[in-house]
């Protein structure tokens, strides 16, 4: 089943993101290569595809996991969590309808 991992950044997270980004992307690439990643990306803090110094307000990952517990464990092990990028992380079941 798919799960939505919705994360909210701490204030001024851009430097923390930059430091942990390579390890964060590596984990997402593993999900992609396994065919389990539906989508992933940051949420710009302003209405712009390139928010510049405004940075990001959070992230969204939708991926397939065997259970809610597995999805939560994966989210808890994210390098952005370890680096203090996220203020909170919510994991919810996600039912894909379209496309």
PDB file of N, CA and C in Angstrom:
ATOM      1  N   UNK A   1       0.839  -1.176   0.000  1.00  0.00           N
ATOM      2  CA  UNK A   1       0.000   0.000   0.000  1.00  0.00           C
ATOM      3  C   UNK A   1       0.889   1.246   0.000  1.00  0.00           C
ATOM      4  N   UNK A   2       0.320   2.318  -0.568  1.00  0.00           N
ATOM      5  CA  UNK A   2       1.038   3.587  -0.546  1.00  0.00           C
ATOM      6  C   UNK A   2       0.800   4.311   0.772  1.00  0.00           C
ATOM      7  N   UNK A   3       1.809   5.113   1.158  1.00  0.00           N
ATOM      8  CA  UNK A   3       1.728   5.943   2.353  1.00  0.00           C
ATOM      9  C   UNK A   3       2.245   7.331   2.009  1.00  0.00           C
ATOM     10  N   UNK A   4       1.557   8.352   2.520  1.00  0.00           N
ATOM     11  CA  UNK A   4       1.996   9.740   2.369  1.00  0.00           C
ATOM     12  C   UNK A   4       2.792  10.120   3.613  1.00  0.00           C
ATOM     13  N   UNK A   5       3.993  10.590   3.383  1.00  0.00           N
ATOM     14  CA  UNK A   5       4.852  11.065   4.465  1.00  0.00           C
ATOM     15  C   UNK A   5       4.930  12.582   4.306  1.00  0.00           C
ATOM     16  N   UNK A   6       4.285  13.284   5.240  1.00  0.00           N
ATOM     17  CA  UNK A   6       4.153  14.731   5.167  1.00  0.00           C
ATOM     18  C   UNK A   6       4.983  15.334   6.296  1.00  0.00           C
ATOM     19  N   UNK A   7       5.999  16.080   5.919  1.00  0.00           N
ATOM     20  CA  UNK A   7       6.936  16.620   6.907  1.00  0.00           C
ATOM     21  C   UNK A   7       6.887  18.140   6.899  1.00  0.00           C
ATOM     22  N   UNK A   8       7.021  18.726   8.081  1.00  0.00           N
ATOM     23  CA  UNK A   8       7.047  20.178   8.246  1.00  0.00           C
ATOM     24  C   UNK A   8       8.425  20.586   8.752  1.00  0.00           C
ATOM     25  N   UNK A   9       9.018  21.552   8.068  1.00  0.00           N
ATOM     26  CA  UNK A   9      10.360  22.022   8.436  1.00  0.00           C
ATOM     27  C   UNK A   9      10.349  22.923   9.666  1.00  0.00           C
ATOM     28  N   UNK A  10      11.482  22.960  10.339  1.00  0.00           N
ATOM     29  CA  UNK A  10      11.732  23.963  11.364  1.00  0.00           C
ATOM     30  C   UNK A  10      11.982  25.292  10.649  1.00  0.00           C
ATOM     31  N   UNK A  11      11.971  26.388  11.381  1.00  0.00           N
ATOM     32  CA  UNK A  11      12.307  27.692  10.804  1.00  0.00           C
ATOM     33  C   UNK A  11      13.759  27.674  10.309  1.00  0.00           C
ATOM     34  N   UNK A  12      14.010  28.375   9.219  1.00  0.00           N
ATOM     35  CA  UNK A  12      15.366  28.523   8.677  1.00  0.00           C
ATOM     36  C   UNK A  12      16.054  27.175   8.454  1.00  0.00           C
ATOM     37  N   UNK A  13      15.346  26.260   7.821  1.00  0.00           N
ATOM     38  CA  UNK A  13      15.860  24.895   7.621  1.00  0.00           C
ATOM     39  C   UNK A  13      16.819  24.760   6.445  1.00  0.00           C
ATOM     40  N   UNK A  14      16.930  25.774   5.607  1.00  0.00           N
ATOM     41  CA  UNK A  14      17.708  25.648   4.367  1.00  0.00           C
ATOM     42  C   UNK A  14      19.143  25.168   4.589  1.00  0.00           C
ATOM     43  N   UNK A  15      19.907  25.713   5.536  1.00  0.00           N
ATOM     44  CA  UNK A  15      21.272  25.204   5.740  1.00  0.00           C
ATOM     45  C   UNK A  15      21.290  23.740   6.210  1.00  0.00           C
ATOM     46  N   UNK A  16      20.325  23.366   7.039  1.00  0.00           N
ATOM     47  CA  UNK A  16      20.248  21.981   7.499  1.00  0.00           C
ATOM     48  C   UNK A  16      19.904  21.054   6.342  1.00  0.00           C
ATOM     49  N   UNK A  17      19.001  21.491   5.480  1.00  0.00           N
ATOM     50  CA  UNK A  17      18.638  20.703   4.301  1.00  0.00           C
ATOM     51  C   UNK A  17      19.851  20.470   3.405  1.00  0.00           C
ATOM     52  N   UNK A  18      20.589  21.538   3.157  1.00  0.00           N
ATOM     53  CA  UNK A  18      21.740  21.435   2.261  1.00  0.00           C
ATOM     54  C   UNK A  18      22.738  20.399   2.759  1.00  0.00           C
ATOM     55  N   UNK A  19      22.959  20.369   4.042  1.00  0.00           N
ATOM     56  CA  UNK A  19      23.929  19.441   4.617  1.00  0.00           C
ATOM     57  C   UNK A  19      23.474  17.984   4.490  1.00  0.00           C
ATOM     58  N   UNK A  20      22.197  17.718   4.703  1.00  0.00           N
ATOM     59  CA  UNK A  20      21.699  16.339   4.727  1.00  0.00           C
ATOM     60  C   UNK A  20      21.118  15.886   3.384  1.00  0.00           C
ATOM     61  N   UNK A  21      21.022  16.765   2.411  1.00  0.00           N
ATOM     62  CA  UNK A  21      20.343  16.458   1.149  1.00  0.00           C
ATOM     63  C   UNK A  21      20.909  15.250   0.413  1.00  0.00           C
ATOM     64  N   UNK A  22      22.217  15.093   0.241  1.00  0.00           N
ATOM     65  CA  UNK A  22      22.714  13.928  -0.503  1.00  0.00           C
ATOM     66  C   UNK A  22      22.246  12.589   0.091  1.00  0.00           C
ATOM     67  N   UNK A  23      22.305  12.454   1.393  1.00  0.00           N
ATOM     68  CA  UNK A  23      21.873  11.204   2.030  1.00  0.00           C
ATOM     69  C   UNK A  23      20.356  11.043   1.923  1.00  0.00           C
ATOM     70  N   UNK A  24      19.628  12.143   2.032  1.00  0.00           N
ATOM     71  CA  UNK A  24      18.169  12.114   1.897  1.00  0.00           C
ATOM     72  C   UNK A  24      17.781  11.633   0.499  1.00  0.00           C
ATOM     73  N   UNK A  25      18.399  12.198  -0.533  1.00  0.00           N
ATOM     74  CA  UNK A  25      18.100  11.808  -1.907  1.00  0.00           C
ATOM     75  C   UNK A  25      18.495  10.365  -2.195  1.00  0.00           C
ATOM     76  N   UNK A  26      19.585   9.916  -1.610  1.00  0.00           N
ATOM     77  CA  UNK A  26      20.028   8.535  -1.829  1.00  0.00           C
ATOM     78  C   UNK A  26      18.955   7.548  -1.383  1.00  0.00           C
ATOM     79  N   UNK A  27      18.331   7.801  -0.252  1.00  0.00           N
ATOM     80  CA  UNK A  27      17.265   6.907   0.229  1.00  0.00           C
ATOM     81  C   UNK A  27      16.058   6.932  -0.706  1.00  0.00           C
ATOM     82  N   UNK A  28      15.722   8.099  -1.219  1.00  0.00           N
ATOM     83  CA  UNK A  28      14.609   8.202  -2.158  1.00  0.00           C
ATOM     84  C   UNK A  28      14.922   7.483  -3.465  1.00  0.00           C
ATOM     85  N   UNK A  29      16.173   7.564  -3.900  1.00  0.00           N
ATOM     86  CA  UNK A  29      16.572   6.876  -5.127  1.00  0.00           C
ATOM     87  C   UNK A  29      16.461   5.362  -4.982  1.00  0.00           C
ATOM     88  N   UNK A  30      16.706   4.838  -3.792  1.00  0.00           N
ATOM     89  CA  UNK A  30      16.535   3.402  -3.548  1.00  0.00           C
ATOM     90  C   UNK A  30      15.066   3.025  -3.729  1.00  0.00           C
ATOM     91  N   UNK A  31      14.164   3.804  -3.141  1.00  0.00           N
ATOM     92  CA  UNK A  31      12.731   3.542  -3.323  1.00  0.00           C
ATOM     93  C   UNK A  31      12.353   3.612  -4.803  1.00  0.00           C
ATOM     94  N   UNK A  32      12.870   4.612  -5.494  1.00  0.00           N
ATOM     95  CA  UNK A  32      12.591   4.752  -6.931  1.00  0.00           C
ATOM     96  C   UNK A  32      13.078   3.542  -7.707  1.00  0.00           C
ATOM     97  N   UNK A  33      14.306   3.129  -7.434  1.00  0.00           N
ATOM     98  CA  UNK A  33      14.888   2.003  -8.150  1.00  0.00           C
ATOM     99  C   UNK A  33      14.152   0.698  -7.872  1.00  0.00           C
ATOM    100  N   UNK A  34      13.539   0.602  -6.704  1.00  0.00           N
ATOM    101  CA  UNK A  34      12.742  -0.575  -6.347  1.00  0.00           C
ATOM    102  C   UNK A  34      11.313  -0.488  -6.892  1.00  0.00           C
ATOM    103  N   UNK A  35      10.975   0.628  -7.548  1.00  0.00           N
ATOM    104  CA  UNK A  35       9.650   0.816  -8.103  1.00  0.00           C
ATOM    105  C   UNK A  35       8.590   1.129  -7.064  1.00  0.00           C
ATOM    106  N   UNK A  36       8.995   1.642  -5.905  1.00  0.00           N
ATOM    107  CA  UNK A  36       8.074   1.897  -4.795  1.00  0.00           C
ATOM    108  C   UNK A  36       7.754   3.373  -4.588  1.00  0.00           C
ATOM    109  N   UNK A  37       8.444   4.259  -5.297  1.00  0.00           N
ATOM    110  CA  UNK A  37       8.259   5.696  -5.097  1.00  0.00           C
ATOM    111  C   UNK A  37       7.249   6.236  -6.103  1.00  0.00           C
ATOM    112  N   UNK A  38       6.163   6.798  -5.610  1.00  0.00           N
ATOM    113  CA  UNK A  38       5.164   7.412  -6.481  1.00  0.00           C
ATOM    114  C   UNK A  38       5.546   8.855  -6.780  1.00  0.00           C
ATOM    115  N   UNK A  39       5.926   9.609  -5.737  1.00  0.00           N
ATOM    116  CA  UNK A  39       6.388  10.983  -5.924  1.00  0.00           C
ATOM    117  C   UNK A  39       7.093  11.455  -4.659  1.00  0.00           C
ATOM    118  N   UNK A  40       7.918  12.457  -4.831  1.00  0.00           N
ATOM    119  CA  UNK A  40       8.637  13.038  -3.694  1.00  0.00           C
ATOM    120  C   UNK A  40       9.091  14.437  -4.068  1.00  0.00           C
ATOM    121  N   UNK A  41       9.057  15.328  -3.084  1.00  0.00           N
ATOM    122  CA  UNK A  41       9.570  16.660  -3.335  1.00  0.00           C
ATOM    123  C   UNK A  41       9.337  17.590  -2.163  1.00  0.00           C
ATOM    124  N   UNK A  42      10.054  18.716  -2.194  1.00  0.00           N
ATOM    125  CA  UNK A  42       9.910  19.714  -1.138  1.00  0.00           C
ATOM    126  C   UNK A  42       8.713  20.620  -1.403  1.00  0.00           C
ATOM    127  N   UNK A  43       8.263  21.279  -0.357  1.00  0.00           N
ATOM    128  CA  UNK A  43       7.165  22.235  -0.438  1.00  0.00           C
ATOM    129  C   UNK A  43       7.766  23.638  -0.304  1.00  0.00           C
ATOM    130  N   UNK A  44       7.847  24.400  -1.406  1.00  0.00           N
ATOM    131  CA  UNK A  44       8.434  25.739  -1.325  1.00  0.00           C
ATOM    132  C   UNK A  44       7.695  26.615  -0.311  1.00  0.00           C
ATOM    133  N   UNK A  45       8.448  27.429   0.405  1.00  0.00           N
ATOM    134  CA  UNK A  45       7.876  28.312   1.421  1.00  0.00           C
ATOM    135  C   UNK A  45       7.115  29.484   0.807  1.00  0.00           C
ATOM    136  N   UNK A  46       7.390  29.760  -0.474  1.00  0.00           N
ATOM    137  CA  UNK A  46       6.675  30.814  -1.190  1.00  0.00           C
ATOM    138  C   UNK A  46       6.172  30.231  -2.506  1.00  0.00           C
ATOM    139  N   UNK A  47       5.302  30.944  -3.171  1.00  0.00           N
ATOM    140  CA  UNK A  47       4.694  30.483  -4.413  1.00  0.00           C
ATOM    141  C   UNK A  47       5.667  30.650  -5.579  1.00  0.00           C
ATOM    142  N   UNK A  48       6.662  29.756  -5.614  1.00  0.00           N
ATOM    143  CA  UNK A  48       7.687  29.816  -6.647  1.00  0.00           C
ATOM    144  C   UNK A  48       8.363  28.461  -6.748  1.00  0.00           C
ATOM    145  N   UNK A  49       8.665  28.010  -7.974  1.00  0.00           N
ATOM    146  CA  UNK A  49       9.382  26.743  -8.097  1.00  0.00           C
ATOM    147  C   UNK A  49      10.809  26.815  -7.546  1.00  0.00           C
ATOM    148  N   UNK A  50      11.362  28.016  -7.475  1.00  0.00           N
ATOM    149  CA  UNK A  50      12.683  28.225  -6.876  1.00  0.00           C
ATOM    150  C   UNK A  50      12.536  29.278  -5.779  1.00  0.00           C
ATOM    151  N   UNK A  51      12.311  28.848  -4.539  1.00  0.00           N
ATOM    152  CA  UNK A  51      12.040  29.811  -3.474  1.00  0.00           C
ATOM    153  C   UNK A  51      13.256  30.575  -2.981  1.00  0.00           C
ATOM    154  N   UNK A  52      14.450  30.242  -3.501  1.00  0.00           N
ATOM    155  CA  UNK A  52      15.651  30.964  -3.089  1.00  0.00           C
ATOM    156  C   UNK A  52      15.850  30.911  -1.585  1.00  0.00           C
ATOM    157  N   UNK A  53      16.231  32.032  -0.979  1.00  0.00           N
ATOM    158  CA  UNK A  53      16.516  32.030   0.456  1.00  0.00           C
ATOM    159  C   UNK A  53      15.291  31.789   1.338  1.00  0.00           C
ATOM    160  N   UNK A  54      14.069  31.882   0.767  1.00  0.00           N
ATOM    161  CA  UNK A  54      12.865  31.590   1.559  1.00  0.00           C
ATOM    162  C   UNK A  54      12.825  30.114   1.934  1.00  0.00           C
ATOM    163  N   UNK A  55      13.453  29.288   1.100  1.00  0.00           N
ATOM    164  CA  UNK A  55      13.566  27.866   1.409  1.00  0.00           C
ATOM    165  C   UNK A  55      12.261  27.110   1.274  1.00  0.00           C
ATOM    166  N   UNK A  56      12.105  26.121   2.132  1.00  0.00           N
ATOM    167  CA  UNK A  56      10.993  25.189   2.040  1.00  0.00           C
ATOM    168  C   UNK A  56      10.266  25.079   3.374  1.00  0.00           C
ATOM    169  N   UNK A  57       8.983  24.780   3.291  1.00  0.00           N
ATOM    170  CA  UNK A  57       8.178  24.635   4.503  1.00  0.00           C
ATOM    171  C   UNK A  57       8.027  23.173   4.912  1.00  0.00           C
ATOM    172  N   UNK A  58       8.449  22.266   4.053  1.00  0.00           N
ATOM    173  CA  UNK A  58       8.334  20.851   4.361  1.00  0.00           C
ATOM    174  C   UNK A  58       8.569  19.995   3.138  1.00  0.00           C
ATOM    175  N   UNK A  59       8.132  18.741   3.227  1.00  0.00           N
ATOM    176  CA  UNK A  59       8.322  17.785   2.139  1.00  0.00           C
ATOM    177  C   UNK A  59       7.133  16.840   2.069  1.00  0.00           C
ATOM    178  N   UNK A  60       6.965  16.246   0.893  1.00  0.00           N
ATOM    179  CA  UNK A  60       5.958  15.220   0.686  1.00  0.00           C
ATOM    180  C   UNK A  60       6.598  14.048  -0.027  1.00  0.00           C
ATOM    181  N   UNK A  61       6.409  12.853   0.527  1.00  0.00           N
ATOM    182  CA  UNK A  61       6.856  11.608  -0.111  1.00  0.00           C
ATOM    183  C   UNK A  61       5.647  10.683  -0.130  1.00  0.00           C
ATOM    184  N   UNK A  62       5.366  10.105  -1.282  1.00  0.00           N
ATOM    185  CA  UNK A  62       4.341   9.065  -1.380  1.00  0.00           C
ATOM    186  C   UNK A  62       5.035   7.835  -1.938  1.00  0.00           C
ATOM    187  N   UNK A  63       5.049   6.778  -1.127  1.00  0.00           N
ATOM    188  CA  UNK A  63       5.775   5.570  -1.511  1.00  0.00           C
ATOM    189  C   UNK A  63       5.058   4.343  -0.976  1.00  0.00           C
ATOM    190  N   UNK A  64       5.418   3.210  -1.554  1.00  0.00           N
ATOM    191  CA  UNK A  64       4.806   1.941  -1.174  1.00  0.00           C
ATOM    192  C   UNK A  64       5.622   1.271  -0.070  1.00  0.00           C
ATOM    193  N   UNK A  65       4.911   0.831   0.958  1.00  0.00           N
ATOM    194  CA  UNK A  65       5.513   0.087   2.067  1.00  0.00           C
ATOM    195  C   UNK A  65       4.587  -1.068   2.417  1.00  0.00           C
ATOM    196  N   UNK A  66       5.119  -2.060   3.106  1.00  0.00           N
ATOM    197  CA  UNK A  66       4.339  -3.244   3.481  1.00  0.00           C
ATOM    198  C   UNK A  66       3.309  -2.930   4.560  1.00  0.00           C
ATOM    199  N   UNK A  67       3.569  -1.889   5.363  1.00  0.00           N
ATOM    200  CA  UNK A  67       2.669  -1.560   6.465  1.00  0.00           C
ATOM    201  C   UNK A  67       2.896  -0.119   6.899  1.00  0.00           C
ATOM    202  N   UNK A  68       1.960   0.386   7.685  1.00  0.00           N
ATOM    203  CA  UNK A  68       2.100   1.719   8.258  1.00  0.00           C
ATOM    204  C   UNK A  68       3.325   1.776   9.157  1.00  0.00           C
ATOM    205  N   UNK A  69       3.567   0.734   9.910  1.00  0.00           N
ATOM    206  CA  UNK A  69       4.738   0.696  10.799  1.00  0.00           C
ATOM    207  C   UNK A  69       6.035   0.775  10.005  1.00  0.00           C
ATOM    208  N   UNK A  70       6.091   0.082   8.864  1.00  0.00           N
ATOM    209  CA  UNK A  70       7.297   0.133   8.024  1.00  0.00           C
ATOM    210  C   UNK A  70       7.485   1.534   7.442  1.00  0.00           C
ATOM    211  N   UNK A  71       6.395   2.160   7.033  1.00  0.00           N
ATOM    212  CA  UNK A  71       6.473   3.525   6.496  1.00  0.00           C
ATOM    213  C   UNK A  71       6.955   4.501   7.570  1.00  0.00           C
ATOM    214  N   UNK A  72       6.431   4.357   8.783  1.00  0.00           N
ATOM    215  CA  UNK A  72       6.865   5.237   9.890  1.00  0.00           C
ATOM    216  C   UNK A  72       8.338   5.018  10.217  1.00  0.00           C
ATOM    217  N   UNK A  73       8.771   3.767  10.226  1.00  0.00           N
ATOM    218  CA  UNK A  73      10.178   3.474  10.520  1.00  0.00           C
ATOM    219  C   UNK A  73      11.080   4.080   9.450  1.00  0.00           C
ATOM    220  N   UNK A  74      10.663   3.981   8.189  1.00  0.00           N
ATOM    221  CA  UNK A  74      11.446   4.565   7.101  1.00  0.00           C
ATOM    222  C   UNK A  74      11.519   6.082   7.284  1.00  0.00           C
ATOM    223  N   UNK A  75      10.382   6.707   7.591  1.00  0.00           N
ATOM    224  CA  UNK A  75      10.346   8.161   7.775  1.00  0.00           C
ATOM    225  C   UNK A  75      11.205   8.584   8.964  1.00  0.00           C
ATOM    226  N   UNK A  76      11.165   7.829  10.048  1.00  0.00           N
ATOM    227  CA  UNK A  76      11.945   8.164  11.241  1.00  0.00           C
ATOM    228  C   UNK A  76      13.447   8.095  10.989  1.00  0.00           C
ATOM    229  N   UNK A  77      13.856   7.260  10.021  1.00  0.00           N
ATOM    230  CA  UNK A  77      15.280   7.087   9.721  1.00  0.00           C
ATOM    231  C   UNK A  77      15.794   8.065   8.663  1.00  0.00           C
ATOM    232  N   UNK A  78      14.967   9.001   8.244  1.00  0.00           N
ATOM    233  CA  UNK A  78      15.369   9.963   7.212  1.00  0.00           C
ATOM    234  C   UNK A  78      16.507  10.846   7.724  1.00  0.00           C
ATOM    235  N   UNK A  79      17.526  11.076   6.911  1.00  0.00           N
ATOM    236  CA  UNK A  79      18.612  11.973   7.309  1.00  0.00           C
ATOM    237  C   UNK A  79      18.144  13.384   7.664  1.00  0.00           C
ATOM    238  N   UNK A  80      17.043  13.841   7.082  1.00  0.00           N
ATOM    239  CA  UNK A  80      16.518  15.149   7.451  1.00  0.00           C
ATOM    240  C   UNK A  80      16.020  15.155   8.892  1.00  0.00           C
ATOM    241  N   UNK A  81      15.503  14.031   9.372  1.00  0.00           N
ATOM    242  CA  UNK A  81      15.093  13.925  10.772  1.00  0.00           C
ATOM    243  C   UNK A  81      16.329  14.038  11.661  1.00  0.00           C
ATOM    244  N   UNK A  82      17.355  13.262  11.337  1.00  0.00           N
ATOM    245  CA  UNK A  82      18.589  13.270  12.133  1.00  0.00           C
ATOM    246  C   UNK A  82      19.255  14.646  12.136  1.00  0.00           C
ATOM    247  N   UNK A  83      19.134  15.376  11.023  1.00  0.00           N
ATOM    248  CA  UNK A  83      19.774  16.694  10.904  1.00  0.00           C
ATOM    249  C   UNK A  83      18.939  17.809  11.527  1.00  0.00           C
ATOM    250  N   UNK A  84      17.730  17.496  11.990  1.00  0.00           N
ATOM    251  CA  UNK A  84      16.893  18.515  12.606  1.00  0.00           C
ATOM    252  C   UNK A  84      16.138  19.382  11.619  1.00  0.00           C
ATOM    253  N   UNK A  85      16.003  18.936  10.365  1.00  0.00           N
ATOM    254  CA  UNK A  85      15.279  19.701   9.352  1.00  0.00           C
ATOM    255  C   UNK A  85      13.786  19.751   9.667  1.00  0.00           C
ATOM    256  N   UNK A  86      13.239  18.616  10.095  1.00  0.00           N
ATOM    257  CA  UNK A  86      11.797  18.516  10.292  1.00  0.00           C
ATOM    258  C   UNK A  86      11.374  18.804  11.722  1.00  0.00           C
ATOM    259  N   UNK A  87      10.340  19.618  11.856  1.00  0.00           N
ATOM    260  CA  UNK A  87       9.711  19.867  13.148  1.00  0.00           C
ATOM    261  C   UNK A  87       8.784  18.718  13.503  1.00  0.00           C
ATOM    262  N   UNK A  88       8.077  18.200  12.477  1.00  0.00           N
ATOM    263  CA  UNK A  88       7.214  17.045  12.701  1.00  0.00           C
ATOM    264  C   UNK A  88       7.013  16.289  11.396  1.00  0.00           C
ATOM    265  N   UNK A  89       6.655  15.018  11.540  1.00  0.00           N
ATOM    266  CA  UNK A  89       6.435  14.134  10.404  1.00  0.00           C
ATOM    267  C   UNK A  89       5.155  13.350  10.661  1.00  0.00           C
ATOM    268  N   UNK A  90       4.279  13.358   9.662  1.00  0.00           N
ATOM    269  CA  UNK A  90       3.030  12.604   9.732  1.00  0.00           C
ATOM    270  C   UNK A  90       3.043  11.562   8.626  1.00  0.00           C
ATOM    271  N   UNK A  91       2.652  10.338   8.964  1.00  0.00           N
ATOM    272  CA  UNK A  91       2.579   9.260   7.979  1.00  0.00           C
ATOM    273  C   UNK A  91       1.137   8.765   7.949  1.00  0.00           C
ATOM    274  N   UNK A  92       0.557   8.755   6.740  1.00  0.00           N
ATOM    275  CA  UNK A  92      -0.835   8.348   6.579  1.00  0.00           C
ATOM    276  C   UNK A  92      -0.969   7.394   5.400  1.00  0.00           C
ATOM    277  N   UNK A  93      -1.885   6.438   5.487  1.00  0.00           N
ATOM    278  CA  UNK A  93      -2.170   5.610   4.316  1.00  0.00           C
ATOM    279  C   UNK A  93      -2.656   6.503   3.170  1.00  0.00           C
ATOM    280  N   UNK A  94      -2.314   6.098   1.953  1.00  0.00           N
ATOM    281  CA  UNK A  94      -2.663   6.882   0.770  1.00  0.00           C
ATOM    282  C   UNK A  94      -3.243   5.935  -0.279  1.00  0.00           C
ATOM    283  N   UNK A  95      -4.420   6.276  -0.782  1.00  0.00           N
ATOM    284  CA  UNK A  95      -5.040   5.472  -1.824  1.00  0.00           C
ATOM    285  C   UNK A  95      -4.909   6.208  -3.159  1.00  0.00           C
ATOM    286  N   UNK A  96      -4.142   5.621  -4.057  1.00  0.00           N
ATOM    287  CA  UNK A  96      -3.953   6.233  -5.376  1.00  0.00           C
ATOM    288  C   UNK A  96      -5.204   5.972  -6.223  1.00  0.00           C
ATOM    289  N   UNK A  97      -5.741   7.052  -6.783  1.00  0.00           N
ATOM    290  CA  UNK A  97      -6.903   6.942  -7.657  1.00  0.00           C
ATOM    291  C   UNK A  97      -6.534   7.362  -9.081  1.00  0.00           C
ATOM    292  N   UNK A  98      -5.885   8.514  -9.236  1.00  0.00           N
ATOM    293  CA  UNK A  98      -5.486   9.010 -10.550  1.00  0.00           C
ATOM    294  C   UNK A  98      -4.048   9.464 -10.507  1.00  0.00           C
ATOM    295  N   UNK A  99      -3.339   9.483 -11.546  1.00  0.00           N
ATOM    296  CA  UNK A  99      -3.601   8.739 -12.781  1.00  0.00           C
ATOM    297  C   UNK A  99      -3.352   7.256 -12.576  1.00  0.00           C
TER     298      UNK A  99
END
